[in-house]
PDB file of all heavy atoms in Angstrom:
ATOM      1  N   ASP A   1      94.079  98.827  95.207  1.00  0.00           N
ATOM      2  CA  ASP A   1      94.815  97.609  95.559  1.00  0.00           C
ATOM      3  C   ASP A   1      94.512  97.227  97.012  1.00  0.00           C
ATOM      4  O   ASP A   1      94.842  97.985  97.932  1.00  0.00           O
ATOM      5  CB  ASP A   1      96.313  97.859  95.371  1.00  0.00           C
ATOM      6  CG  ASP A   1      97.171  96.656  95.731  1.00  0.00           C
ATOM      7  OD1 ASP A   1      96.623  95.546  95.902  1.00  0.00           O
ATOM      8  OD2 ASP A   1      98.393  96.828  95.838  1.00  0.00           O
ATOM      9  N   PRO A   2      93.913  96.061  97.233  1.00  0.00           N
ATOM     10  CA  PRO A   2      93.570  95.681  98.613  1.00  0.00           C
ATOM     11  C   PRO A   2      94.796  95.521  99.510  1.00  0.00           C
ATOM     12  O   PRO A   2      94.724  95.798 100.707  1.00  0.00           O
ATOM     13  CB  PRO A   2      92.798  94.372  98.469  1.00  0.00           C
ATOM     14  CG  PRO A   2      93.078  93.882  97.102  1.00  0.00           C
ATOM     15  CD  PRO A   2      93.468  95.058  96.272  1.00  0.00           C
ATOM     16  N   ALA A   3      95.917  95.098  98.959  1.00  0.00           N
ATOM     17  CA  ALA A   3      97.128  94.955  99.764  1.00  0.00           C
ATOM     18  C   ALA A   3      97.618  96.330 100.226  1.00  0.00           C
ATOM     19  O   ALA A   3      98.103  96.477 101.348  1.00  0.00           O
ATOM     20  CB  ALA A   3      98.217  94.233  98.982  1.00  0.00           C
ATOM     21  N   ALA A   4      97.490  97.340  99.374  1.00  0.00           N
ATOM     22  CA  ALA A   4      97.883  98.709  99.750  1.00  0.00           C
ATOM     23  C   ALA A   4      96.992  99.214 100.874  1.00  0.00           C
ATOM     24  O   ALA A   4      97.474  99.875 101.803  1.00  0.00           O
ATOM     25  CB  ALA A   4      97.801  99.640  98.542  1.00  0.00           C
ATOM     26  N   ARG A   5      95.691  98.900 100.802  1.00  0.00           N
ATOM     27  CA  ARG A   5      94.775  99.307 101.869  1.00  0.00           C
ATOM     28  C   ARG A   5      95.161  98.648 103.189  1.00  0.00           C
ATOM     29  O   ARG A   5      95.206  99.287 104.238  1.00  0.00           O
ATOM     30  CB  ARG A   5      93.329  98.957 101.510  1.00  0.00           C
ATOM     31  CG  ARG A   5      92.775  99.747 100.358  1.00  0.00           C
ATOM     32  CD  ARG A   5      91.286  99.578 100.203  1.00  0.00           C
ATOM     33  NE  ARG A   5      90.814  98.214 100.045  1.00  0.00           N
ATOM     34  CZ  ARG A   5      90.626  97.604  98.877  1.00  0.00           C
ATOM     35  NH1 ARG A   5      90.869  98.247  97.748  1.00  0.00           N
ATOM     36  NH2 ARG A   5      90.180  96.372  98.837  1.00  0.00           N
ATOM     37  N   ALA A   6      95.461  97.342 103.126  1.00  0.00           N
ATOM     38  CA  ALA A   6      95.816  96.603 104.341  1.00  0.00           C
ATOM     39  C   ALA A   6      97.122  97.118 104.931  1.00  0.00           C
ATOM     40  O   ALA A   6      97.241  97.285 106.150  1.00  0.00           O
ATOM     41  CB  ALA A   6      95.930  95.113 104.026  1.00  0.00           C
ATOM     42  N   LEU A   7      98.095  97.397 104.086  1.00  0.00           N
ATOM     43  CA  LEU A   7      99.371  97.896 104.570  1.00  0.00           C
ATOM     44  C   LEU A   7      99.219  99.276 105.202  1.00  0.00           C
ATOM     45  O   LEU A   7      99.804  99.559 106.252  1.00  0.00           O
ATOM     46  CB  LEU A   7     100.383  97.935 103.432  1.00  0.00           C
ATOM     47  CG  LEU A   7     101.841  98.120 103.822  1.00  0.00           C
ATOM     48  CD1 LEU A   7     102.291  97.077 104.837  1.00  0.00           C
ATOM     49  CD2 LEU A   7     102.717  98.077 102.594  1.00  0.00           C
ATOM     50  N   ALA A   8      98.404 100.122 104.583  1.00  0.00           N
ATOM     51  CA  ALA A   8      98.146 101.456 105.154  1.00  0.00           C
ATOM     52  C   ALA A   8      97.493 101.312 106.531  1.00  0.00           C
ATOM     53  O   ALA A   8      97.843 102.037 107.471  1.00  0.00           O
ATOM     54  CB  ALA A   8      97.276 102.285 104.220  1.00  0.00           C
ATOM     55  N   ALA A   9      96.554 100.377 106.658  1.00  0.00           N
ATOM     56  CA  ALA A   9      95.906 100.158 107.954  1.00  0.00           C
ATOM     57  C   ALA A   9      96.925  99.697 108.991  1.00  0.00           C
ATOM     58  O   ALA A   9      96.888 100.145 110.144  1.00  0.00           O
ATOM     59  CB  ALA A   9      94.783  99.134 107.810  1.00  0.00           C
ATOM     60  N   CYS A  10      97.849  98.835 108.583  1.00  0.00           N
ATOM     61  CA  CYS A  10      98.894  98.371 109.506  1.00  0.00           C
ATOM     62  C   CYS A  10      99.809  99.513 109.922  1.00  0.00           C
ATOM     63  O   CYS A  10     100.162  99.640 111.088  1.00  0.00           O
ATOM     64  CB  CYS A  10      99.696  97.248 108.868  1.00  0.00           C
ATOM     65  SG  CYS A  10      98.764  95.721 108.676  1.00  0.00           S
ATOM     66  N   TYR A  11     100.207 100.332 108.955  1.00  0.00           N
ATOM     67  CA  TYR A  11     101.054 101.491 109.272  1.00  0.00           C
ATOM     68  C   TYR A  11     100.349 102.392 110.278  1.00  0.00           C
ATOM     69  O   TYR A  11     100.940 102.814 111.259  1.00  0.00           O
ATOM     70  CB  TYR A  11     101.344 102.312 108.020  1.00  0.00           C
ATOM     71  CG  TYR A  11     102.416 101.763 107.110  1.00  0.00           C
ATOM     72  CD1 TYR A  11     102.342 101.996 105.741  1.00  0.00           C
ATOM     73  CD2 TYR A  11     103.500 101.043 107.581  1.00  0.00           C
ATOM     74  CE1 TYR A  11     103.319 101.530 104.883  1.00  0.00           C
ATOM     75  CE2 TYR A  11     104.475 100.573 106.727  1.00  0.00           C
ATOM     76  CZ  TYR A  11     104.387 100.819 105.385  1.00  0.00           C
ATOM     77  OH  TYR A  11     105.352 100.358 104.549  1.00  0.00           O
ATOM     78  N   LEU A  12      99.086 102.692 110.011  1.00  0.00           N
ATOM     79  CA  LEU A  12      98.336 103.586 110.896  1.00  0.00           C
ATOM     80  C   LEU A  12      98.188 102.979 112.281  1.00  0.00           C
ATOM     81  O   LEU A  12      98.290 103.671 113.291  1.00  0.00           O
ATOM     82  CB  LEU A  12      96.972 103.918 110.285  1.00  0.00           C
ATOM     83  CG  LEU A  12      97.045 104.832 109.061  1.00  0.00           C
ATOM     84  CD1 LEU A  12      95.746 104.785 108.279  1.00  0.00           C
ATOM     85  CD2 LEU A  12      97.389 106.260 109.470  1.00  0.00           C
ATOM     86  N   GLY A  13      97.958 101.675 112.334  1.00  0.00           N
ATOM     87  CA  GLY A  13      97.861 101.003 113.622  1.00  0.00           C
ATOM     88  C   GLY A  13      99.156 101.106 114.402  1.00  0.00           C
ATOM     89  O   GLY A  13      99.156 101.278 115.624  1.00  0.00           O
ATOM     90  N   GLY A  14     100.280 101.030 113.702  1.00  0.00           N
ATOM     91  CA  GLY A  14     101.580 101.147 114.341  1.00  0.00           C
ATOM     92  C   GLY A  14     101.866 102.545 114.854  1.00  0.00           C
ATOM     93  O   GLY A  14     102.703 102.731 115.736  1.00  0.00           O
ATOM     94  N   MET A  15     101.174 103.530 114.303  1.00  0.00           N
ATOM     95  CA  MET A  15     101.378 104.915 114.739  1.00  0.00           C
ATOM     96  C   MET A  15     100.628 105.214 116.030  1.00  0.00           C
ATOM     97  O   MET A  15     100.865 106.234 116.676  1.00  0.00           O
ATOM     98  CB  MET A  15     100.920 105.889 113.652  1.00  0.00           C
ATOM     99  CG  MET A  15     101.796 105.882 112.442  1.00  0.00           C
ATOM    100  SD  MET A  15     101.131 107.025 111.217  1.00  0.00           S
ATOM    101  CE  MET A  15     102.101 106.593 109.793  1.00  0.00           C
ATOM    102  N   GLY A  16      99.703 104.337 116.390  1.00  0.00           N
ATOM    103  CA  GLY A  16      98.970 104.507 117.635  1.00  0.00           C
ATOM    104  C   GLY A  16      98.143 105.773 117.675  1.00  0.00           C
ATOM    105  O   GLY A  16      97.549 106.184 116.675  1.00  0.00           O
ATOM    106  N   GLY A  17      98.119 106.413 118.828  1.00  0.00           N
ATOM    107  CA  GLY A  17      97.298 107.601 119.057  1.00  0.00           C
ATOM    108  C   GLY A  17      97.638 108.770 118.157  1.00  0.00           C
ATOM    109  O   GLY A  17      96.809 109.654 117.935  1.00  0.00           O
ATOM    110  N   ARG A  18      98.864 108.787 117.616  1.00  0.00           N
ATOM    111  CA  ARG A  18      99.239 109.879 116.714  1.00  0.00           C
ATOM    112  C   ARG A  18      98.393 109.866 115.449  1.00  0.00           C
ATOM    113  O   ARG A  18      98.263 110.875 114.775  1.00  0.00           O
ATOM    114  CB  ARG A  18     100.716 109.765 116.347  1.00  0.00           C
ATOM    115  CG  ARG A  18     101.638 109.924 117.548  1.00  0.00           C
ATOM    116  CD  ARG A  18     103.076 109.747 117.127  1.00  0.00           C
ATOM    117  NE  ARG A  18     103.285 108.477 116.441  1.00  0.00           N
ATOM    118  CZ  ARG A  18     103.957 107.450 116.920  1.00  0.00           C
ATOM    119  NH1 ARG A  18     104.497 107.531 118.104  1.00  0.00           N
ATOM    120  NH2 ARG A  18     104.093 106.337 116.237  1.00  0.00           N
ATOM    121  N   ALA A  19      97.810 108.702 115.126  1.00  0.00           N
ATOM    122  CA  ALA A  19      97.008 108.566 113.912  1.00  0.00           C
ATOM    123  C   ALA A  19      95.518 108.539 114.221  1.00  0.00           C
ATOM    124  O   ALA A  19      94.733 107.971 113.466  1.00  0.00           O
ATOM    125  CB  ALA A  19      97.415 107.302 113.164  1.00  0.00           C
ATOM    126  N   SER A  20      95.102 109.163 115.294  1.00  0.00           N
ATOM    127  CA  SER A  20      93.688 109.122 115.694  1.00  0.00           C
ATOM    128  C   SER A  20      92.766 109.706 114.620  1.00  0.00           C
ATOM    129  O   SER A  20      91.593 109.335 114.545  1.00  0.00           O
ATOM    130  CB  SER A  20      93.482 109.838 117.027  1.00  0.00           C
ATOM    131  OG  SER A  20      93.855 111.202 116.917  1.00  0.00           O
ATOM    132  N   ALA A  21      93.282 110.568 113.764  1.00  0.00           N
ATOM    133  CA  ALA A  21      92.469 111.130 112.683  1.00  0.00           C
ATOM    134  C   ALA A  21      92.050 110.057 111.686  1.00  0.00           C
ATOM    135  O   ALA A  21      91.097 110.246 110.922  1.00  0.00           O
ATOM    136  CB  ALA A  21      93.246 112.226 111.955  1.00  0.00           C
ATOM    137  N   ALA A  22      92.707 108.900 111.704  1.00  0.00           N
ATOM    138  CA  ALA A  22      92.409 107.828 110.764  1.00  0.00           C
ATOM    139  C   ALA A  22      91.249 106.942 111.214  1.00  0.00           C
ATOM    140  O   ALA A  22      90.766 106.128 110.429  1.00  0.00           O
ATOM    141  CB  ALA A  22      93.643 106.963 110.560  1.00  0.00           C
ATOM    142  N   VAL A  23      90.796 107.096 112.440  1.00  0.00           N
ATOM    143  CA  VAL A  23      89.774 106.184 112.986  1.00  0.00           C
ATOM    144  C   VAL A  23      88.527 106.094 112.103  1.00  0.00           C
ATOM    145  O   VAL A  23      88.083 104.988 111.782  1.00  0.00           O
ATOM    146  CB  VAL A  23      89.432 106.545 114.448  1.00  0.00           C
ATOM    147  CG1 VAL A  23      88.221 105.781 114.940  1.00  0.00           C
ATOM    148  CG2 VAL A  23      90.640 106.292 115.339  1.00  0.00           C
ATOM    149  N   PRO A  24      87.924 107.202 111.644  1.00  0.00           N
ATOM    150  CA  PRO A  24      86.726 107.062 110.797  1.00  0.00           C
ATOM    151  C   PRO A  24      86.994 106.273 109.513  1.00  0.00           C
ATOM    152  O   PRO A  24      86.191 105.427 109.116  1.00  0.00           O
ATOM    153  CB  PRO A  24      86.324 108.510 110.482  1.00  0.00           C
ATOM    154  CG  PRO A  24      86.910 109.320 111.589  1.00  0.00           C
ATOM    155  CD  PRO A  24      88.188 108.618 111.957  1.00  0.00           C
ATOM    156  N   ALA A  25      88.139 106.509 108.883  1.00  0.00           N
ATOM    157  CA  ALA A  25      88.469 105.785 107.651  1.00  0.00           C
ATOM    158  C   ALA A  25      88.737 104.312 107.948  1.00  0.00           C
ATOM    159  O   ALA A  25      88.364 103.439 107.156  1.00  0.00           O
ATOM    160  CB  ALA A  25      89.678 106.423 106.974  1.00  0.00           C
ATOM    161  N   LEU A  26      89.349 104.028 109.075  1.00  0.00           N
ATOM    162  CA  LEU A  26      89.599 102.635 109.453  1.00  0.00           C
ATOM    163  C   LEU A  26      88.297 101.911 109.765  1.00  0.00           C
ATOM    164  O   LEU A  26      88.138 100.740 109.423  1.00  0.00           O
ATOM    165  CB  LEU A  26      90.550 102.574 110.647  1.00  0.00           C
ATOM    166  CG  LEU A  26      92.005 102.944 110.343  1.00  0.00           C
ATOM    167  CD1 LEU A  26      92.776 103.168 111.638  1.00  0.00           C
ATOM    168  CD2 LEU A  26      92.659 101.883 109.497  1.00  0.00           C
ATOM    169  N   VAL A  27      87.361 102.593 110.384  1.00  0.00           N
ATOM    170  CA  VAL A  27      86.058 101.988 110.676  1.00  0.00           C
ATOM    171  C   VAL A  27      85.349 101.633 109.367  1.00  0.00           C
ATOM    172  O   VAL A  27      84.777 100.552 109.227  1.00  0.00           O
ATOM    173  CB  VAL A  27      85.198 102.918 111.562  1.00  0.00           C
ATOM    174  CG1 VAL A  27      83.768 102.438 111.643  1.00  0.00           C
ATOM    175  CG2 VAL A  27      85.813 103.030 112.947  1.00  0.00           C
TER     176      VAL A  27
END
């Protein structure tokens, strides 16, 4: 679901540096 992907990206962005492990997946 593309909306689920977008929402997950927004959540991770809101977590800031605590979610640095997500950077490769976000790229």
